[in-house]
Amino acid sequence: MIIGGDRKPVIENIKKAANARDFTAKGELGDPEMSLAERSKLVADFWDKQNQPVTKLNHAAGHLIVDILARKFNRDTRIKGLSELKNAPQHAIITCNHFNQIDALAVKYLTQKVHHKLSIVIEDTNLKLPGILSYLMYNIGTIPLLRTPNYVGRDMPEHIKDAMVKNNWVLIYPEQEMWWNYRKPRKPQRGAYYYAARLNVPIISLFIEIQDTDKVEKDYPDFYETRYVIHVLKTLYPDPTIGVNAAASKLAAQDYAQKVAAYEECYGKKLNYDFQPWDIAGWRGQ
């Protein structure tokens, strides 16, 4: 599924960033631009709305919608390594490569299979998405991330802990920015692993493989439709003997290594960040 109009400028942005090894560069065009004050108010309003009486009704509707969408958009999705979750931890942070505006639905599909609830960490500006997307951002268990020291260091761990008290796994994208249909795992930022080490919870590590089909995208003749294979990798546990920062760095290195190994195994290619047209799944303009 293609969201967001013309993909060619986006692919060009990804190409430039990959070749520059700038793995957290923005790929998309037209993302909302807001001042820190505007974003701070947006996040404060979000948490205020979570306490309103109508919240439970809206949450029930939002979760129903996302449950239906997860099944609808993943009818062709396969899961490999589900046995890794046979003794799944009650509380955990999920990490995954980030390549589509709705790739969280694939993670949601996985959690449905193991009967577990999911919360999703989102960029604060995602609360400004149009229409039903904004409604879902407010009502499906999202946790907005505001990049200020107080929020990141004080508020965010509490919000993640609150989600886990409700038996939710928490999805955090360590790559931060979404690179559309980009097949390769990018080097992770440490936030997800810091929270895992600080809260002493494991990392459920996923890598999603993107496969081309032979069906051309409606209204986008330069692209084939794609399907997903979710690879469930080894669950990683923080080392409580070495301190939070060292444990976070160790988790990040372990997670990246096994995502790279999964990439190289499922695609049969050694990881090389020099951009190739094949890096963008489904692109017929290769």
C-alpha atoms as a PDB file:
ATOM      1  CA  MET A   1       0.000   0.000   0.000  1.00  0.00           C
ATOM      2  CA  ILE A   2       1.352   3.409  -1.009  1.00  0.00           C
ATOM      3  CA  ILE A   3       0.577   6.445   1.146  1.00  0.00           C
ATOM      4  CA  GLY A   4       1.828   9.939   0.506  1.00  0.00           C
ATOM      5  CA  GLY A   5       1.798  10.563  -3.241  1.00  0.00           C
ATOM      6  CA  ASP A   6       4.894  10.734  -5.451  1.00  0.00           C
ATOM      7  CA  ARG A   7       7.582   8.367  -4.165  1.00  0.00           C
ATOM      8  CA  LYS A   8      10.421   9.399  -6.470  1.00  0.00           C
ATOM      9  CA  PRO A   9      11.552  12.442  -4.419  1.00  0.00           C
ATOM     10  CA  VAL A  10      11.317  10.280  -1.296  1.00  0.00           C
ATOM     11  CA  ILE A  11      13.514   7.615  -2.888  1.00  0.00           C
ATOM     12  CA  GLU A  12      16.013  10.319  -3.846  1.00  0.00           C
ATOM     13  CA  ASN A  13      16.095  11.512  -0.216  1.00  0.00           C
ATOM     14  CA  ILE A  14      16.718   7.943   0.953  1.00  0.00           C
ATOM     15  CA  LYS A  15      19.462   7.481  -1.638  1.00  0.00           C
ATOM     16  CA  LYS A  16      21.299  10.618  -0.505  1.00  0.00           C
ATOM     17  CA  ALA A  17      20.953   9.757   3.174  1.00  0.00           C
ATOM     18  CA  ALA A  18      22.073   6.142   2.721  1.00  0.00           C
ATOM     19  CA  ASN A  19      25.143   7.117   0.738  1.00  0.00           C
ATOM     20  CA  ALA A  20      25.975   9.727   3.396  1.00  0.00           C
ATOM     21  CA  ARG A  21      25.339   7.134   6.159  1.00  0.00           C
ATOM     22  CA  ASP A  22      22.863   9.607   7.680  1.00  0.00           C
ATOM     23  CA  PHE A  23      20.534   6.913   8.992  1.00  0.00           C
ATOM     24  CA  THR A  24      18.123   9.201  10.878  1.00  0.00           C
ATOM     25  CA  ALA A  25      17.564  11.661   8.028  1.00  0.00           C
ATOM     26  CA  LYS A  26      13.978  12.350   7.029  1.00  0.00           C
ATOM     27  CA  GLY A  27      12.848  10.655   3.856  1.00  0.00           C
ATOM     28  CA  GLU A  28       9.260  11.836   3.600  1.00  0.00           C
ATOM     29  CA  LEU A  29       8.111  15.186   2.266  1.00  0.00           C
ATOM     30  CA  GLY A  30       5.662  17.524   3.946  1.00  0.00           C
ATOM     31  CA  ASP A  31       5.965  16.279   7.527  1.00  0.00           C
ATOM     32  CA  PRO A  32       4.392  18.782   9.948  1.00  0.00           C
ATOM     33  CA  GLU A  33       6.802  21.471  11.114  1.00  0.00           C
ATOM     34  CA  MET A  34       6.091  22.706  14.628  1.00  0.00           C
ATOM     35  CA  SER A  35       7.923  24.738  17.228  1.00  0.00           C
ATOM     36  CA  LEU A  36       8.925  23.163  20.527  1.00  0.00           C
ATOM     37  CA  ALA A  37       6.192  25.136  22.280  1.00  0.00           C
ATOM     38  CA  GLU A  38       3.589  23.848  19.820  1.00  0.00           C
ATOM     39  CA  ARG A  39       4.775  20.271  20.193  1.00  0.00           C
ATOM     40  CA  SER A  40       4.848  20.542  23.982  1.00  0.00           C
ATOM     41  CA  LYS A  41       1.253  21.768  24.024  1.00  0.00           C
ATOM     42  CA  LEU A  42       0.222  19.040  21.573  1.00  0.00           C
ATOM     43  CA  VAL A  43       1.633  16.310  23.838  1.00  0.00           C
ATOM     44  CA  ALA A  44       0.181  17.886  26.990  1.00  0.00           C
ATOM     45  CA  ASP A  45      -3.247  18.010  25.323  1.00  0.00           C
ATOM     46  CA  PHE A  46      -2.858  14.366  24.312  1.00  0.00           C
ATOM     47  CA  TRP A  47      -2.316  13.246  27.904  1.00  0.00           C
ATOM     48  CA  ASP A  48      -5.177  15.458  29.114  1.00  0.00           C
ATOM     49  CA  LYS A  49      -7.530  13.756  26.659  1.00  0.00           C
ATOM     50  CA  GLN A  50      -6.492  10.347  27.964  1.00  0.00           C
ATOM     51  CA  ASN A  51      -8.135  11.266  31.270  1.00  0.00           C
ATOM     52  CA  GLN A  52     -11.468  12.403  29.841  1.00  0.00           C
ATOM     53  CA  PRO A  53     -14.623  10.340  30.583  1.00  0.00           C
ATOM     54  CA  VAL A  54     -15.178   9.535  26.912  1.00  0.00           C
ATOM     55  CA  THR A  55     -11.681   8.032  26.636  1.00  0.00           C
ATOM     56  CA  LYS A  56     -12.702   4.437  27.359  1.00  0.00           C
ATOM     57  CA  LEU A  57     -15.306   4.509  24.591  1.00  0.00           C
ATOM     58  CA  ASN A  58     -12.886   6.031  22.103  1.00  0.00           C
ATOM     59  CA  HIS A  59     -10.175   3.542  23.072  1.00  0.00           C
ATOM     60  CA  ALA A  60     -12.536   0.616  22.551  1.00  0.00           C
ATOM     61  CA  ALA A  61     -13.452   1.935  19.091  1.00  0.00           C
ATOM     62  CA  GLY A  62      -9.829   2.701  18.197  1.00  0.00           C
ATOM     63  CA  HIS A  63      -8.584  -0.756  19.212  1.00  0.00           C
ATOM     64  CA  LEU A  64     -11.412  -2.425  17.278  1.00  0.00           C
ATOM     65  CA  ILE A  65     -10.526  -0.454  14.158  1.00  0.00           C
ATOM     66  CA  VAL A  66      -6.815  -1.219  14.392  1.00  0.00           C
ATOM     67  CA  ASP A  67      -7.496  -4.922  15.065  1.00  0.00           C
ATOM     68  CA  ILE A  68      -9.553  -5.092  11.877  1.00  0.00           C
ATOM     69  CA  LEU A  69      -6.964  -3.152   9.867  1.00  0.00           C
ATOM     70  CA  ALA A  70      -4.130  -5.375  11.114  1.00  0.00           C
ATOM     71  CA  ARG A  71      -5.917  -8.474   9.827  1.00  0.00           C
ATOM     72  CA  LYS A  72      -6.972  -6.782   6.569  1.00  0.00           C
ATOM     73  CA  PHE A  73      -3.526  -5.512   5.602  1.00  0.00           C
ATOM     74  CA  ASN A  74      -1.666  -8.672   6.637  1.00  0.00           C
ATOM     75  CA  ARG A  75      -3.668 -11.356   4.867  1.00  0.00           C
ATOM     76  CA  ASP A  76      -0.515 -12.305   2.924  1.00  0.00           C
ATOM     77  CA  THR A  77       1.943 -11.719   5.776  1.00  0.00           C
ATOM     78  CA  ARG A  78       3.920 -14.703   7.049  1.00  0.00           C
ATOM     79  CA  ILE A  79       5.635 -15.079  10.394  1.00  0.00           C
ATOM     80  CA  LYS A  80       8.880 -16.993  10.913  1.00  0.00           C
ATOM     81  CA  GLY A  81      10.360 -17.770  14.308  1.00  0.00           C
ATOM     82  CA  LEU A  82       7.117 -17.549  16.269  1.00  0.00           C
ATOM     83  CA  SER A  83       8.510 -20.252  18.558  1.00  0.00           C
ATOM     84  CA  GLU A  84      10.852 -17.572  19.952  1.00  0.00           C
ATOM     85  CA  LEU A  85       7.769 -16.200  21.730  1.00  0.00           C
ATOM     86  CA  LYS A  86       6.671 -19.550  23.146  1.00  0.00           C
ATOM     87  CA  ASN A  87       7.635 -18.351  26.615  1.00  0.00           C
ATOM     88  CA  ALA A  88       7.043 -14.702  25.824  1.00  0.00           C
ATOM     89  CA  PRO A  89       7.816 -12.166  28.558  1.00  0.00           C
ATOM     90  CA  GLN A  90       4.862 -10.357  30.077  1.00  0.00           C
ATOM     91  CA  HIS A  91       6.606  -6.988  29.786  1.00  0.00           C
ATOM     92  CA  ALA A  92       8.900  -6.119  26.870  1.00  0.00           C
ATOM     93  CA  ILE A  93       9.950  -3.528  24.326  1.00  0.00           C
ATOM     94  CA  ILE A  94       9.654  -4.503  20.662  1.00  0.00           C
ATOM     95  CA  THR A  95      12.140  -3.181  18.106  1.00  0.00           C
ATOM     96  CA  CYS A  96      11.603  -3.356  14.355  1.00  0.00           C
ATOM     97  CA  ASN A  97      12.801  -1.806  11.102  1.00  0.00           C
ATOM     98  CA  HIS A  98      10.638   1.162  10.047  1.00  0.00           C
ATOM     99  CA  PHE A  99       9.706   1.328   6.348  1.00  0.00           C
ATOM    100  CA  ASN A 100       6.017   2.220   6.006  1.00  0.00           C
ATOM    101  CA  GLN A 101       3.486   4.577   7.568  1.00  0.00           C
ATOM    102  CA  ILE A 102       1.407   1.590   8.674  1.00  0.00           C
ATOM    103  CA  ASP A 103       4.073  -1.048   9.290  1.00  0.00           C
ATOM    104  CA  ALA A 104       3.002  -1.079  12.953  1.00  0.00           C
ATOM    105  CA  LEU A 105      -0.036  -3.022  11.717  1.00  0.00           C
ATOM    106  CA  ALA A 106       2.309  -5.911  10.898  1.00  0.00           C
ATOM    107  CA  VAL A 107       3.638  -5.835  14.464  1.00  0.00           C
ATOM    108  CA  LYS A 108       0.060  -5.647  15.719  1.00  0.00           C
ATOM    109  CA  TYR A 109      -0.750  -8.705  13.602  1.00  0.00           C
ATOM    110  CA  LEU A 110       2.089 -10.587  15.300  1.00  0.00           C
ATOM    111  CA  THR A 111       0.909  -9.615  18.783  1.00  0.00           C
ATOM    112  CA  GLN A 112      -2.593 -10.787  17.877  1.00  0.00           C
ATOM    113  CA  LYS A 113      -1.137 -14.211  17.140  1.00  0.00           C
ATOM    114  CA  VAL A 114       0.260 -14.478  20.659  1.00  0.00           C
ATOM    115  CA  HIS A 115      -2.722 -12.753  22.315  1.00  0.00           C
ATOM    116  CA  HIS A 116      -0.789  -9.784  23.617  1.00  0.00           C
ATOM    117  CA  LYS A 117      -1.664  -6.081  23.653  1.00  0.00           C
ATOM    118  CA  LEU A 118       0.516  -3.446  22.004  1.00  0.00           C
ATOM    119  CA  SER A 119       1.429   0.183  22.664  1.00  0.00           C
ATOM    120  CA  ILE A 120       3.321   2.184  20.043  1.00  0.00           C
ATOM    121  CA  VAL A 121       5.774   5.019  20.583  1.00  0.00           C
ATOM    122  CA  ILE A 122       5.180   7.725  17.964  1.00  0.00           C
ATOM    123  CA  GLU A 123       6.727  11.043  17.014  1.00  0.00           C
ATOM    124  CA  ASP A 124       4.801  13.866  18.637  1.00  0.00           C
ATOM    125  CA  THR A 125       3.956  15.434  15.260  1.00  0.00           C
ATOM    126  CA  ASN A 126       2.062  12.263  14.263  1.00  0.00           C
ATOM    127  CA  LEU A 127      -0.733  13.562  16.481  1.00  0.00           C
ATOM    128  CA  LYS A 128      -1.343  16.124  13.708  1.00  0.00           C
ATOM    129  CA  LEU A 129      -2.036  13.521  11.022  1.00  0.00           C
ATOM    130  CA  PRO A 130      -5.284  14.180   9.131  1.00  0.00           C
ATOM    131  CA  GLY A 131      -8.697  12.557   9.575  1.00  0.00           C
ATOM    132  CA  ILE A 132      -9.076   9.102  11.062  1.00  0.00           C
ATOM    133  CA  LEU A 133      -5.297   8.748  11.435  1.00  0.00           C
ATOM    134  CA  SER A 134      -5.336  11.473  14.092  1.00  0.00           C
ATOM    135  CA  TYR A 135      -8.215   9.730  15.867  1.00  0.00           C
ATOM    136  CA  LEU A 136      -6.256   6.478  15.900  1.00  0.00           C
ATOM    137  CA  MET A 137      -3.102   8.188  17.164  1.00  0.00           C
ATOM    138  CA  TYR A 138      -5.092   9.297  20.206  1.00  0.00           C
ATOM    139  CA  ASN A 139      -6.967   6.057  20.823  1.00  0.00           C
ATOM    140  CA  ILE A 140      -4.889   2.937  20.164  1.00  0.00           C
ATOM    141  CA  GLY A 141      -2.444   3.065  23.052  1.00  0.00           C
ATOM    142  CA  THR A 142       0.172   5.315  21.494  1.00  0.00           C
ATOM    143  CA  ILE A 143       2.894   7.026  23.528  1.00  0.00           C
ATOM    144  CA  PRO A 144       4.023  10.300  21.911  1.00  0.00           C
ATOM    145  CA  LEU A 145       7.713  11.136  22.139  1.00  0.00           C
ATOM    146  CA  LEU A 146       8.601  14.756  22.872  1.00  0.00           C
ATOM    147  CA  ARG A 147      12.348  15.312  22.516  1.00  0.00           C
ATOM    148  CA  THR A 148      13.045  17.404  25.605  1.00  0.00           C
ATOM    149  CA  PRO A 149      15.380  16.276  28.426  1.00  0.00           C
ATOM    150  CA  ASN A 150      12.652  16.274  31.085  1.00  0.00           C
ATOM    151  CA  TYR A 151      10.167  14.354  28.984  1.00  0.00           C
ATOM    152  CA  VAL A 152      12.688  11.814  27.650  1.00  0.00           C
ATOM    153  CA  GLY A 153      14.352  11.226  30.993  1.00  0.00           C
ATOM    154  CA  ARG A 154      11.465  11.609  33.448  1.00  0.00           C
ATOM    155  CA  ASP A 155       8.055  11.304  31.775  1.00  0.00           C
ATOM    156  CA  MET A 156       8.740   8.778  29.035  1.00  0.00           C
ATOM    157  CA  PRO A 157       9.912   5.928  31.299  1.00  0.00           C
ATOM    158  CA  GLU A 158       6.775   6.372  33.392  1.00  0.00           C
ATOM    159  CA  HIS A 159       4.513   6.252  30.352  1.00  0.00           C
ATOM    160  CA  ILE A 160       6.242   3.081  29.127  1.00  0.00           C
ATOM    161  CA  LYS A 161       5.995   1.540  32.594  1.00  0.00           C
ATOM    162  CA  ASP A 162       2.272   2.427  32.764  1.00  0.00           C
ATOM    163  CA  ALA A 163       1.682   0.666  29.437  1.00  0.00           C
ATOM    164  CA  MET A 164       3.477  -2.434  30.692  1.00  0.00           C
ATOM    165  CA  VAL A 165       1.429  -2.465  33.892  1.00  0.00           C
ATOM    166  CA  LYS A 166      -1.546  -2.907  31.542  1.00  0.00           C
ATOM    167  CA  ASN A 167       0.288  -5.925  30.043  1.00  0.00           C
ATOM    168  CA  ASN A 168       1.148  -4.114  26.826  1.00  0.00           C
ATOM    169  CA  TRP A 169       4.315  -4.702  24.879  1.00  0.00           C
ATOM    170  CA  VAL A 170       5.732  -1.374  23.707  1.00  0.00           C
ATOM    171  CA  LEU A 171       6.896  -0.920  20.115  1.00  0.00           C
ATOM    172  CA  ILE A 172       9.761   1.537  19.672  1.00  0.00           C
ATOM    173  CA  TYR A 173      11.416   2.090  16.298  1.00  0.00           C
ATOM    174  CA  PRO A 174      15.155   2.473  17.021  1.00  0.00           C
ATOM    175  CA  GLU A 175      15.749   3.717  13.465  1.00  0.00           C
ATOM    176  CA  GLN A 176      13.532   6.720  14.309  1.00  0.00           C
ATOM    177  CA  GLU A 177      12.633   7.990  10.834  1.00  0.00           C
ATOM    178  CA  MET A 178      10.599   5.962   8.379  1.00  0.00           C
ATOM    179  CA  TRP A 179      12.376   5.173   5.089  1.00  0.00           C
ATOM    180  CA  TRP A 180       9.693   4.045   2.686  1.00  0.00           C
ATOM    181  CA  ASN A 181      10.051   0.413   1.476  1.00  0.00           C
ATOM    182  CA  TYR A 182      13.739   0.402   2.408  1.00  0.00           C
ATOM    183  CA  ARG A 183      14.804  -3.204   2.816  1.00  0.00           C
ATOM    184  CA  LYS A 184      17.972  -2.792   4.892  1.00  0.00           C
ATOM    185  CA  PRO A 185      18.239  -2.549   8.684  1.00  0.00           C
ATOM    186  CA  ARG A 186      19.684   0.808   9.733  1.00  0.00           C
ATOM    187  CA  LYS A 187      21.990   1.401  12.679  1.00  0.00           C
ATOM    188  CA  PRO A 188      19.787   1.888  15.748  1.00  0.00           C
ATOM    189  CA  GLN A 189      19.563   4.842  18.099  1.00  0.00           C
ATOM    190  CA  ARG A 190      19.866   3.947  21.776  1.00  0.00           C
ATOM    191  CA  GLY A 191      16.511   5.146  23.166  1.00  0.00           C
ATOM    192  CA  ALA A 192      14.655   1.824  23.026  1.00  0.00           C
ATOM    193  CA  TYR A 193      17.559   0.013  24.625  1.00  0.00           C
ATOM    194  CA  TYR A 194      18.026   2.638  27.322  1.00  0.00           C
ATOM    195  CA  TYR A 195      14.407   2.215  28.407  1.00  0.00           C
ATOM    196  CA  ALA A 196      14.739  -1.572  28.314  1.00  0.00           C
ATOM    197  CA  ALA A 197      17.837  -1.410  30.521  1.00  0.00           C
ATOM    198  CA  ARG A 198      16.370   1.205  32.856  1.00  0.00           C
ATOM    199  CA  LEU A 199      13.122  -0.720  33.325  1.00  0.00           C
ATOM    200  CA  ASN A 200      14.933  -4.098  33.244  1.00  0.00           C
ATOM    201  CA  VAL A 201      12.700  -5.559  30.526  1.00  0.00           C
ATOM    202  CA  PRO A 202      13.748  -7.585  27.459  1.00  0.00           C
ATOM    203  CA  ILE A 203      13.862  -6.603  23.814  1.00  0.00           C
ATOM    204  CA  ILE A 204      11.622  -8.595  21.463  1.00  0.00           C
ATOM    205  CA  SER A 205      13.613  -8.210  18.262  1.00  0.00           C
ATOM    206  CA  LEU A 206      11.885  -8.259  14.867  1.00  0.00           C
ATOM    207  CA  PHE A 207      13.069  -7.847  11.302  1.00  0.00           C
ATOM    208  CA  ILE A 208      10.457  -7.514   8.564  1.00  0.00           C
ATOM    209  CA  GLU A 209      11.402  -8.759   5.123  1.00  0.00           C
ATOM    210  CA  ILE A 210       9.654  -7.005   2.205  1.00  0.00           C
ATOM    211  CA  GLN A 211       8.950  -9.162  -0.841  1.00  0.00           C
ATOM    212  CA  ASP A 212       7.823  -7.986  -4.282  1.00  0.00           C
ATOM    213  CA  THR A 213       4.742  -9.511  -5.829  1.00  0.00           C
ATOM    214  CA  ASP A 214       3.948  -9.572  -9.549  1.00  0.00           C
ATOM    215  CA  LYS A 215       0.914  -7.294  -9.109  1.00  0.00           C
ATOM    216  CA  VAL A 216       1.321  -3.624 -10.034  1.00  0.00           C
ATOM    217  CA  GLU A 217       0.126  -1.027  -7.527  1.00  0.00           C
ATOM    218  CA  LYS A 218      -3.133   0.648  -8.473  1.00  0.00           C
ATOM    219  CA  ASP A 219      -2.466   4.274  -9.522  1.00  0.00           C
ATOM    220  CA  TYR A 220       1.302   3.749  -9.127  1.00  0.00           C
ATOM    221  CA  PRO A 221       2.542   1.935 -12.256  1.00  0.00           C
ATOM    222  CA  ASP A 222       6.217   2.252 -11.255  1.00  0.00           C
ATOM    223  CA  PHE A 223       5.696  -0.067  -8.277  1.00  0.00           C
ATOM    224  CA  TYR A 224       4.722  -3.632  -7.575  1.00  0.00           C
ATOM    225  CA  GLU A 225       2.637  -4.465  -4.541  1.00  0.00           C
ATOM    226  CA  THR A 226       4.622  -6.006  -1.705  1.00  0.00           C
ATOM    227  CA  ARG A 227       4.089  -8.516   1.085  1.00  0.00           C
ATOM    228  CA  TYR A 228       5.829  -9.070   4.392  1.00  0.00           C
ATOM    229  CA  VAL A 229       7.623 -11.824   6.243  1.00  0.00           C
ATOM    230  CA  ILE A 230       8.007 -11.062   9.955  1.00  0.00           C
ATOM    231  CA  HIS A 231      11.157 -12.651  11.360  1.00  0.00           C
ATOM    232  CA  VAL A 232      11.010 -13.071  15.140  1.00  0.00           C
ATOM    233  CA  LEU A 233      14.588 -13.058  16.365  1.00  0.00           C
ATOM    234  CA  LYS A 234      16.133 -14.039  19.676  1.00  0.00           C
ATOM    235  CA  THR A 235      14.746 -12.139  22.660  1.00  0.00           C
ATOM    236  CA  LEU A 236      17.466 -10.033  24.290  1.00  0.00           C
ATOM    237  CA  TYR A 237      17.789  -9.330  28.019  1.00  0.00           C
ATOM    238  CA  PRO A 238      19.622  -6.384  29.608  1.00  0.00           C
ATOM    239  CA  ASP A 239      22.657  -7.149  31.720  1.00  0.00           C
ATOM    240  CA  PRO A 240      21.868  -5.774  35.194  1.00  0.00           C
ATOM    241  CA  THR A 241      25.483  -6.051  36.345  1.00  0.00           C
ATOM    242  CA  ILE A 242      27.049  -3.398  34.116  1.00  0.00           C
ATOM    243  CA  GLY A 243      24.902  -0.298  34.628  1.00  0.00           C
ATOM    244  CA  VAL A 244      22.083   1.148  32.532  1.00  0.00           C
ATOM    245  CA  ASN A 245      24.156   2.958  29.917  1.00  0.00           C
ATOM    246  CA  ALA A 246      26.496   0.042  29.265  1.00  0.00           C
ATOM    247  CA  ALA A 247      23.570  -2.377  29.188  1.00  0.00           C
ATOM    248  CA  ALA A 248      21.755  -0.161  26.685  1.00  0.00           C
ATOM    249  CA  SER A 249      24.783  -0.031  24.390  1.00  0.00           C
ATOM    250  CA  LYS A 250      25.212  -3.799  24.627  1.00  0.00           C
ATOM    251  CA  LEU A 251      21.536  -4.398  23.778  1.00  0.00           C
ATOM    252  CA  ALA A 252      21.743  -2.041  20.798  1.00  0.00           C
ATOM    253  CA  ALA A 253      24.809  -3.822  19.420  1.00  0.00           C
ATOM    254  CA  GLN A 254      23.233  -7.261  19.892  1.00  0.00           C
ATOM    255  CA  ASP A 255      19.959  -6.212  18.288  1.00  0.00           C
ATOM    256  CA  TYR A 256      21.633  -4.593  15.304  1.00  0.00           C
ATOM    257  CA  ALA A 257      23.859  -7.644  14.772  1.00  0.00           C
ATOM    258  CA  GLN A 258      20.951 -10.049  14.653  1.00  0.00           C
ATOM    259  CA  LYS A 259      18.886  -7.790  12.406  1.00  0.00           C
ATOM    260  CA  VAL A 260      21.833  -7.618   9.993  1.00  0.00           C
ATOM    261  CA  ALA A 261      22.167 -11.402  10.126  1.00  0.00           C
ATOM    262  CA  ALA A 262      18.446 -11.792   9.415  1.00  0.00           C
ATOM    263  CA  TYR A 263      18.703  -9.394   6.464  1.00  0.00           C
ATOM    264  CA  GLU A 264      21.666 -11.240   4.972  1.00  0.00           C
ATOM    265  CA  GLU A 265      19.999 -14.624   5.405  1.00  0.00           C
ATOM    266  CA  CYS A 266      16.569 -13.794   4.022  1.00  0.00           C
ATOM    267  CA  TYR A 267      17.808 -11.710   1.064  1.00  0.00           C
ATOM    268  CA  GLY A 268      21.022 -13.620   0.376  1.00  0.00           C
ATOM    269  CA  LYS A 269      23.058 -10.385   0.303  1.00  0.00           C
ATOM    270  CA  LYS A 270      25.832  -8.946   2.438  1.00  0.00           C
ATOM    271  CA  LEU A 271      24.782  -5.652   3.988  1.00  0.00           C
ATOM    272  CA  ASN A 272      26.229  -2.663   2.138  1.00  0.00           C
ATOM    273  CA  TYR A 273      24.751   0.798   2.576  1.00  0.00           C
ATOM    274  CA  ASP A 274      25.809   2.089  -0.842  1.00  0.00           C
ATOM    275  CA  PHE A 275      22.395   2.735  -2.389  1.00  0.00           C
ATOM    276  CA  GLN A 276      21.075   0.411  -5.065  1.00  0.00           C
ATOM    277  CA  PRO A 277      17.614   0.658  -6.684  1.00  0.00           C
ATOM    278  CA  TRP A 278      16.855  -2.831  -5.294  1.00  0.00           C
ATOM    279  CA  ASP A 279      16.986  -1.327  -1.802  1.00  0.00           C
ATOM    280  CA  ILE A 280      13.462   0.037  -2.382  1.00  0.00           C
ATOM    281  CA  ALA A 281      11.078  -2.901  -2.389  1.00  0.00           C
ATOM    282  CA  GLY A 282       8.597  -3.029  -5.247  1.00  0.00           C
ATOM    283  CA  TRP A 283      10.243  -0.330  -7.340  1.00  0.00           C
ATOM    284  CA  ARG A 284       9.890  -1.078 -11.045  1.00  0.00           C
ATOM    285  CA  GLY A 285      11.890   2.040 -11.919  1.00  0.00           C
ATOM    286  CA  GLN A 286      15.044   0.029 -11.257  1.00  0.00           C
END
